[in-house]
N, C-alpha and C. Protein backbone atom coordinates (compact mmCIF):
# COMPACT_ATOMS: atom_id res chain seq x y z
N UNK A 1 0.58 -1.21 0.05
CA UNK A 1 -0.09 -0.09 -0.02
C UNK A 1 0.88 1.33 -0.03
N UNK A 2 0.55 2.37 -0.63
CA UNK A 2 1.07 3.49 -0.86
C UNK A 2 0.73 4.12 0.60
N UNK A 3 -0.36 4.58 1.11
CA UNK A 3 -0.58 5.40 2.36
C UNK A 3 0.50 6.02 3.11
N UNK A 4 1.47 6.41 2.39
CA UNK A 4 2.68 6.98 2.76
C UNK A 4 2.46 8.42 2.48
N UNK A 5 1.43 9.12 1.96
CA UNK A 5 1.43 10.40 1.42
C UNK A 5 2.55 10.93 0.27
N UNK A 6 2.98 9.88 -0.44
CA UNK A 6 3.77 10.16 -1.45
C UNK A 6 2.98 11.23 -2.37
N UNK A 7 3.98 12.27 -2.93
CA UNK A 7 3.23 13.22 -3.79
C UNK A 7 2.68 12.66 -5.20
N UNK A 8 1.53 12.73 -5.18
CA UNK A 8 0.76 12.08 -6.45
C UNK A 8 1.48 12.55 -7.76
N UNK A 9 1.75 13.77 -7.83
CA UNK A 9 2.39 14.45 -9.04
C UNK A 9 3.68 13.60 -9.54
N UNK A 10 4.35 12.98 -8.47
CA UNK A 10 5.61 12.15 -8.64
C UNK A 10 5.19 10.80 -9.18
N UNK A 11 4.06 10.31 -9.09
CA UNK A 11 3.41 9.16 -9.73
C UNK A 11 2.94 9.18 -10.92
N UNK A 12 2.73 10.23 -11.67
CA UNK A 12 2.03 10.34 -12.83
C UNK A 12 3.18 10.08 -13.87
N UNK A 13 2.62 9.51 -14.98
CA UNK A 13 3.77 9.14 -15.91
C UNK A 13 3.27 9.95 -17.30
N UNK A 14 2.15 10.83 -17.38
CA UNK A 14 1.72 11.71 -18.41
C UNK A 14 1.43 12.88 -17.84
N UNK A 15 1.25 13.76 -18.72
CA UNK A 15 1.22 15.21 -18.32
C UNK A 15 -0.13 15.40 -17.66
N UNK A 16 -1.17 14.71 -18.14
CA UNK A 16 -2.33 14.76 -17.40
C UNK A 16 -2.62 14.25 -15.93
N UNK A 17 -1.72 13.15 -15.88
CA UNK A 17 -1.63 12.43 -14.61
C UNK A 17 -0.86 13.52 -13.62
N UNK A 18 0.24 13.79 -14.09
CA UNK A 18 1.07 14.67 -13.22
C UNK A 18 0.14 16.02 -12.86
N UNK A 19 -0.50 16.53 -13.88
CA UNK A 19 -1.37 17.65 -13.64
C UNK A 19 -2.45 17.54 -12.40
N UNK A 20 -3.08 16.31 -12.49
CA UNK A 20 -4.05 16.06 -11.55
C UNK A 20 -3.41 15.63 -10.21
N UNK A 21 -2.33 15.08 -10.22
CA UNK A 21 -1.45 14.64 -9.15
C UNK A 21 -1.25 16.02 -8.36
N UNK A 22 -0.77 16.76 -9.13
CA UNK A 22 -0.36 18.03 -8.39
C UNK A 22 -1.63 18.83 -7.80
N UNK A 23 -2.65 18.68 -8.50
CA UNK A 23 -3.79 19.40 -7.97
C UNK A 23 -4.30 18.79 -6.60
N UNK A 24 -4.26 17.51 -6.44
CA UNK A 24 -4.59 16.74 -5.33
C UNK A 24 -3.73 16.78 -4.53
N UNK A 25 -2.27 17.22 -4.43
CA UNK A 25 -1.27 17.37 -3.72
C UNK A 25 -1.69 18.61 -2.92
N UNK A 26 -2.06 19.82 -3.87
CA UNK A 26 -2.31 21.06 -3.35
C UNK A 26 -3.57 21.16 -2.45
N UNK A 27 -4.53 20.29 -2.94
CA UNK A 27 -6.02 20.08 -2.32
C UNK A 27 -5.62 19.48 -0.79
N UNK A 28 -4.66 18.65 -0.77
CA UNK A 28 -4.54 18.20 0.33
C UNK A 28 -4.30 19.37 1.55
N UNK A 29 -3.62 20.22 1.01
CA UNK A 29 -3.43 21.41 2.12
C UNK A 29 -4.40 22.17 2.27
N UNK A 30 -5.51 22.17 1.44
CA UNK A 30 -6.42 23.12 1.49
C UNK A 30 -7.83 22.61 2.27
N UNK A 31 -7.64 23.05 3.48
CA UNK A 31 -8.85 22.74 4.63
C UNK A 31 -9.94 22.99 4.11
N UNK A 32 -10.71 23.91 3.25
CA UNK A 32 -11.94 24.19 2.73
C UNK A 32 -12.26 23.33 1.43
N UNK A 33 -11.35 22.41 0.96
CA UNK A 33 -11.73 21.29 -0.16
C UNK A 33 -11.92 20.09 0.28
N UNK A 34 -12.80 19.85 1.03
CA UNK A 34 -13.09 18.46 1.62
C UNK A 34 -13.31 17.53 0.68
N UNK A 35 -14.00 17.74 -0.61
CA UNK A 35 -14.26 16.95 -1.41
C UNK A 35 -12.85 16.31 -2.18
N UNK A 36 -12.10 17.04 -2.48
CA UNK A 36 -10.74 16.76 -3.09
C UNK A 36 -9.81 16.19 -1.97
N UNK A 37 -10.09 16.41 -0.82
CA UNK A 37 -9.07 15.65 0.39
C UNK A 37 -9.76 14.58 0.47
N UNK A 38 -10.76 14.18 0.35
CA UNK A 38 -11.46 12.92 0.41
C UNK A 38 -10.96 11.97 -0.46
N UNK A 39 -11.04 12.59 -1.95
CA UNK A 39 -10.39 11.81 -2.95
C UNK A 39 -8.86 11.44 -2.99
N UNK A 40 -8.20 12.56 -2.31
CA UNK A 40 -6.79 12.24 -2.17
C UNK A 40 -6.45 11.15 -1.04
N UNK A 41 -7.35 11.23 0.15
CA UNK A 41 -7.03 10.26 1.03
C UNK A 41 -7.33 8.77 0.43
N UNK A 42 -8.32 8.85 -0.34
CA UNK A 42 -8.56 7.42 -0.99
C UNK A 42 -7.40 6.95 -2.09
N UNK A 43 -6.92 7.74 -2.79
CA UNK A 43 -5.86 7.67 -3.67
C UNK A 43 -4.56 7.36 -2.99
N UNK A 44 -4.41 7.71 -1.61
CA UNK A 44 -3.39 7.29 -0.85
C UNK A 44 -3.38 5.82 -0.30
N UNK A 45 -4.56 5.24 -0.52
CA UNK A 45 -4.85 3.97 -0.12
C UNK A 45 -4.50 2.89 -1.30
N UNK A 46 -4.60 3.34 -2.40
CA UNK A 46 -4.24 2.47 -3.35
C UNK A 46 -2.94 1.71 -3.23
N UNK A 47 -2.90 0.37 -4.00
CA UNK A 47 -1.84 -0.48 -3.55
C UNK A 47 -0.62 -0.25 -4.22
N UNK A 48 -0.65 0.58 -5.29
CA UNK A 48 0.54 0.66 -6.08
C UNK A 48 0.49 1.83 -6.81
N UNK A 49 1.96 2.44 -7.46
CA UNK A 49 1.70 3.73 -8.37
C UNK A 49 1.03 3.30 -9.83
N UNK A 50 0.89 2.07 -10.45
CA UNK A 50 0.01 1.84 -11.56
C UNK A 50 -1.31 1.94 -11.22
N UNK A 51 -1.84 1.48 -10.03
CA UNK A 51 -3.18 1.84 -9.57
C UNK A 51 -3.57 3.42 -9.48
N UNK A 52 -2.61 4.21 -8.83
CA UNK A 52 -2.75 5.47 -8.77
C UNK A 52 -2.98 6.29 -10.19
N UNK A 53 -1.84 5.89 -11.09
CA UNK A 53 -2.02 6.20 -12.38
C UNK A 53 -3.16 6.03 -13.11
N UNK A 54 -3.80 4.78 -12.94
CA UNK A 54 -5.17 4.54 -13.63
C UNK A 54 -6.07 5.38 -12.90
N UNK A 55 -6.23 5.79 -11.65
CA UNK A 55 -7.20 6.54 -11.13
C UNK A 55 -7.03 7.84 -11.62
N UNK A 56 -5.93 8.36 -11.77
CA UNK A 56 -5.72 9.47 -12.29
C UNK A 56 -6.16 9.93 -13.65
N UNK A 57 -5.90 8.83 -14.45
CA UNK A 57 -6.47 8.75 -15.80
C UNK A 57 -7.90 8.98 -15.75
N UNK A 58 -8.59 8.11 -15.11
CA UNK A 58 -10.02 8.13 -14.88
C UNK A 58 -10.73 9.66 -14.53
N UNK A 59 -9.97 10.33 -13.69
CA UNK A 59 -10.35 11.59 -13.09
C UNK A 59 -10.04 12.54 -14.23
N UNK A 60 -8.95 12.35 -14.98
CA UNK A 60 -8.47 13.59 -15.79
C UNK A 60 -9.11 13.47 -17.22
N UNK A 61 -9.47 12.33 -17.82
CA UNK A 61 -10.21 12.44 -19.16
C UNK A 61 -9.04 12.20 -19.85
N UNK A 62 -7.84 11.66 -19.72
CA UNK A 62 -6.94 11.46 -20.37
C UNK A 62 -7.10 10.94 -21.87
N UNK A 63 -8.02 10.01 -22.09
CA UNK A 63 -8.55 9.37 -23.26
C UNK A 63 -8.82 10.41 -24.22
N UNK A 64 -9.49 11.34 -23.98
CA UNK A 64 -9.70 12.57 -24.95
C UNK A 64 -8.73 13.27 -25.31
N UNK A 65 -7.49 13.33 -24.51
CA UNK A 65 -6.59 14.07 -25.06
C UNK A 65 -5.49 13.36 -25.89
N UNK A 66 -5.67 11.97 -26.05
CA UNK A 66 -4.66 11.14 -26.61
C UNK A 66 -5.13 10.53 -27.89
N UNK A 67 -6.53 10.55 -28.22
CA UNK A 67 -6.90 9.73 -29.45
C UNK A 67 -7.06 10.78 -30.47
N UNK A 68 -6.81 10.41 -31.57
CA UNK A 68 -6.89 11.17 -33.09
C UNK A 68 -8.45 11.35 -33.01
N UNK A 69 -8.65 12.62 -33.30
CA UNK A 69 -10.04 13.06 -33.84
C UNK A 69 -10.04 13.48 -35.36
N UNK A 70 -10.74 12.98 -36.28
CA UNK A 70 -10.49 13.27 -37.61
C UNK A 70 -11.01 14.62 -37.83
N UNK A 71 -10.44 15.24 -38.74
CA UNK A 71 -10.57 16.77 -39.15
C UNK A 71 -11.16 16.64 -40.41
N UNK A 72 -12.62 17.19 -40.68
CA UNK A 72 -13.03 16.76 -41.69
C UNK A 72 -12.71 17.56 -43.04
N UNK A 73 -12.10 18.91 -42.65
CA UNK A 73 -11.42 19.73 -43.75
C UNK A 73 -10.17 18.95 -44.44
N UNK A 74 -9.45 17.96 -43.61
CA UNK A 74 -8.48 17.44 -44.26
C UNK A 74 -8.54 15.96 -44.42
N UNK A 75 -9.51 15.29 -44.11
CA UNK A 75 -9.50 13.86 -44.47
C UNK A 75 -11.01 13.46 -45.01
N UNK A 76 -10.88 12.56 -45.88
CA UNK A 76 -12.34 12.34 -46.53
C UNK A 76 -12.88 10.91 -46.11
N UNK A 77 -14.04 10.80 -45.66
CA UNK A 77 -14.61 9.69 -45.48
C UNK A 77 -15.01 8.91 -46.61
N UNK A 78 -14.92 9.44 -47.70
CA UNK A 78 -15.67 8.77 -48.99
C UNK A 78 -14.45 8.65 -50.02
N UNK A 79 -14.35 7.80 -50.43
CA UNK A 79 -13.51 7.64 -51.69
C UNK A 79 -13.98 7.13 -52.87
N UNK A 80 -13.88 8.00 -53.91
CA UNK A 80 -14.33 7.84 -55.15
C UNK A 80 -13.38 7.25 -56.13
N UNK A 81 -13.42 6.28 -56.98
CA UNK A 81 -12.57 6.06 -58.08
C UNK A 81 -13.43 6.38 -59.56
N UNK A 82 -12.73 7.55 -59.95
CA UNK A 82 -13.67 7.86 -61.30
C UNK A 82 -12.91 7.71 -62.34
């Protein structure tokens, strides 16, 4: 178990994971942000860095930033042989 208050930002392997890890590291110090503190406390209890990374991905929406989205101006979905 992590549960050692390791900085979450240091456990991130992508930009989004590191950004969200930094947010939760800062939120841990903010007494008024109880929702983020609860999430951070639960992240501290995950068994390994891989689990923390997966949780940060779920929270950050990482999939949307890493998948190619077709640009209709530059790609054609129709091919014609004339």
